[in-house]
C-alpha atoms as a PDB file:
ATOM      1  CA  MET A   1    -173.460  31.946 -21.628  1.00  0.00           C
ATOM      2  CA  SER A   2    -176.591  33.351 -23.308  1.00  0.00           C
ATOM      3  CA  THR A   3    -176.548  36.431 -21.057  1.00  0.00           C
ATOM      4  CA  ASN A   4    -172.995  37.027 -22.203  1.00  0.00           C
ATOM      5  CA  LEU A   5    -174.061  36.509 -25.821  1.00  0.00           C
ATOM      6  CA  ASN A   6    -177.009  38.867 -25.340  1.00  0.00           C
ATOM      7  CA  THR A   7    -174.654  41.534 -24.003  1.00  0.00           C
ATOM      8  CA  LEU A   8    -172.219  40.950 -26.849  1.00  0.00           C
ATOM      9  CA  ALA A   9    -175.054  41.184 -29.369  1.00  0.00           C
ATOM     10  CA  SER A  10    -176.159  44.496 -27.917  1.00  0.00           C
ATOM     11  CA  ASP A  11    -172.585  45.808 -27.995  1.00  0.00           C
ATOM     12  CA  ALA A  12    -172.112  44.582 -31.573  1.00  0.00           C
ATOM     13  CA  GLN A  13    -175.331  46.300 -32.637  1.00  0.00           C
ATOM     14  CA  GLN A  14    -173.794  49.520 -31.302  1.00  0.00           C
ATOM     15  CA  GLY A  15    -170.765  49.015 -33.547  1.00  0.00           C
ATOM     16  CA  ASP A  16    -168.360  47.157 -31.232  1.00  0.00           C
ATOM     17  CA  GLN A  17    -166.186  45.138 -33.643  1.00  0.00           C
ATOM     18  CA  GLU A  18    -164.551  43.081 -30.860  1.00  0.00           C
ATOM     19  CA  ALA A  19    -167.985  42.046 -29.584  1.00  0.00           C
ATOM     20  CA  LEU A  20    -168.931  40.910 -33.087  1.00  0.00           C
ATOM     21  CA  GLU A  21    -165.745  38.856 -33.404  1.00  0.00           C
ATOM     22  CA  GLU A  22    -166.388  37.269 -29.998  1.00  0.00           C
ATOM     23  CA  ILE A  23    -169.944  36.356 -31.039  1.00  0.00           C
ATOM     24  CA  VAL A  24    -168.603  34.555 -34.101  1.00  0.00           C
ATOM     25  CA  ARG A  25    -166.020  32.712 -31.968  1.00  0.00           C
ATOM     26  CA  GLN A  26    -168.671  31.621 -29.470  1.00  0.00           C
ATOM     27  CA  ILE A  27    -171.310  30.445 -31.939  1.00  0.00           C
ATOM     28  CA  GLN A  28    -169.321  28.944 -34.828  1.00  0.00           C
ATOM     29  CA  ASP A  29    -168.847  25.473 -33.299  1.00  0.00           C
ATOM     30  CA  ARG A  30    -172.537  25.158 -32.371  1.00  0.00           C
ATOM     31  CA  VAL A  31    -173.617  26.339 -35.811  1.00  0.00           C
ATOM     32  CA  HIS A  32    -171.241  23.865 -37.463  1.00  0.00           C
ATOM     33  CA  HIS A  33    -172.507  21.023 -35.245  1.00  0.00           C
ATOM     34  CA  LEU A  34    -176.099  21.796 -36.271  1.00  0.00           C
ATOM     35  CA  ALA A  35    -175.085  21.987 -39.937  1.00  0.00           C
ATOM     36  CA  MET A  36    -173.364  18.590 -39.692  1.00  0.00           C
ATOM     37  CA  ARG A  37    -176.455  17.035 -38.106  1.00  0.00           C
ATOM     38  CA  MET A  38    -178.743  18.378 -40.807  1.00  0.00           C
ATOM     39  CA  LEU A  39    -176.555  18.126 -43.900  1.00  0.00           C
ATOM     40  CA  VAL A  40    -174.282  15.154 -43.012  1.00  0.00           C
ATOM     41  CA  ASN A  41    -171.703  15.991 -45.712  1.00  0.00           C
ATOM     42  CA  PRO A  42    -168.721  17.727 -44.017  1.00  0.00           C
ATOM     43  CA  GLU A  43    -168.003  20.012 -46.990  1.00  0.00           C
ATOM     44  CA  ASP A  44    -171.640  21.092 -47.249  1.00  0.00           C
ATOM     45  CA  ALA A  45    -171.753  21.672 -43.487  1.00  0.00           C
ATOM     46  CA  LEU A  46    -168.613  23.812 -43.563  1.00  0.00           C
ATOM     47  CA  GLU A  47    -169.949  25.917 -46.427  1.00  0.00           C
ATOM     48  CA  ALA A  48    -173.322  26.280 -44.713  1.00  0.00           C
ATOM     49  CA  THR A  49    -171.608  27.300 -41.463  1.00  0.00           C
ATOM     50  CA  GLN A  50    -169.818  30.130 -43.274  1.00  0.00           C
ATOM     51  CA  GLU A  51    -173.055  31.265 -44.919  1.00  0.00           C
ATOM     52  CA  ILE A  52    -174.926  31.171 -41.602  1.00  0.00           C
ATOM     53  CA  LEU A  53    -172.229  33.182 -39.827  1.00  0.00           C
ATOM     54  CA  ILE A  54    -172.437  35.799 -42.595  1.00  0.00           C
ATOM     55  CA  LEU A  55    -176.230  35.845 -42.184  1.00  0.00           C
ATOM     56  CA  VAL A  56    -175.923  36.308 -38.416  1.00  0.00           C
ATOM     57  CA  ILE A  57    -173.517  39.217 -38.909  1.00  0.00           C
ATOM     58  CA  THR A  58    -175.552  40.925 -41.623  1.00  0.00           C
ATOM     59  CA  LYS A  59    -178.911  40.381 -39.899  1.00  0.00           C
ATOM     60  CA  LEU A  60    -177.688  41.252 -36.388  1.00  0.00           C
ATOM     61  CA  SER A  61    -179.601  44.536 -36.503  1.00  0.00           C
ATOM     62  CA  THR A  62    -182.859  42.543 -36.661  1.00  0.00           C
ATOM     63  CA  PHE A  63    -182.190  40.842 -33.292  1.00  0.00           C
ATOM     64  CA  ARG A  64    -184.615  42.523 -30.888  1.00  0.00           C
ATOM     65  CA  GLY A  65    -183.788  40.641 -27.710  1.00  0.00           C
ATOM     66  CA  ASP A  66    -187.220  39.020 -27.409  1.00  0.00           C
ATOM     67  CA  SER A  67    -185.432  35.700 -26.883  1.00  0.00           C
ATOM     68  CA  ALA A  68    -181.909  34.650 -25.965  1.00  0.00           C
ATOM     69  CA  PHE A  69    -179.399  35.500 -28.685  1.00  0.00           C
ATOM     70  CA  GLN A  70    -178.451  31.819 -28.950  1.00  0.00           C
ATOM     71  CA  THR A  71    -182.097  30.985 -29.707  1.00  0.00           C
ATOM     72  CA  TRP A  72    -182.163  33.626 -32.442  1.00  0.00           C
ATOM     73  CA  VAL A  73    -178.944  32.235 -33.946  1.00  0.00           C
ATOM     74  CA  TYR A  74    -180.438  28.728 -33.870  1.00  0.00           C
ATOM     75  CA  ARG A  75    -183.535  29.948 -35.770  1.00  0.00           C
ATOM     76  CA  VAL A  76    -181.405  31.738 -38.385  1.00  0.00           C
ATOM     77  CA  ALA A  77    -179.286  28.596 -38.807  1.00  0.00           C
ATOM     78  CA  ALA A  78    -182.211  26.176 -38.884  1.00  0.00           C
ATOM     79  CA  ASN A  79    -184.110  28.279 -41.442  1.00  0.00           C
ATOM     80  CA  TYR A  80    -181.043  28.467 -43.674  1.00  0.00           C
ATOM     81  CA  LEU A  81    -180.332  24.735 -43.365  1.00  0.00           C
ATOM     82  CA  LEU A  82    -183.933  23.743 -44.031  1.00  0.00           C
ATOM     83  CA  SER A  83    -183.976  25.838 -47.201  1.00  0.00           C
ATOM     84  CA  GLU A  84    -180.654  24.297 -48.291  1.00  0.00           C
ATOM     85  CA  LYS A  85    -181.969  20.752 -47.867  1.00  0.00           C
ATOM     86  CA  LYS A  86    -184.829  21.377 -50.307  1.00  0.00           C
END
């Protein structure tokens, strides 16, 4: 799965809109699950999920491939959620 996500991320960085849409489809449930675990409130988790997905899309150019794309997404999500909990 992460190899596929890494390939999609590379394609999306080159401007492939379908790859970007597929990334969002593949990561949204995992991001939402993490948001639910950290925030508990379903409405807060849903809002945070949307914000995180926007962050992933807008910051995609900063993904360098040093780690699996899924790991990078997890860090983006965790950092956002930790700042929201404060």
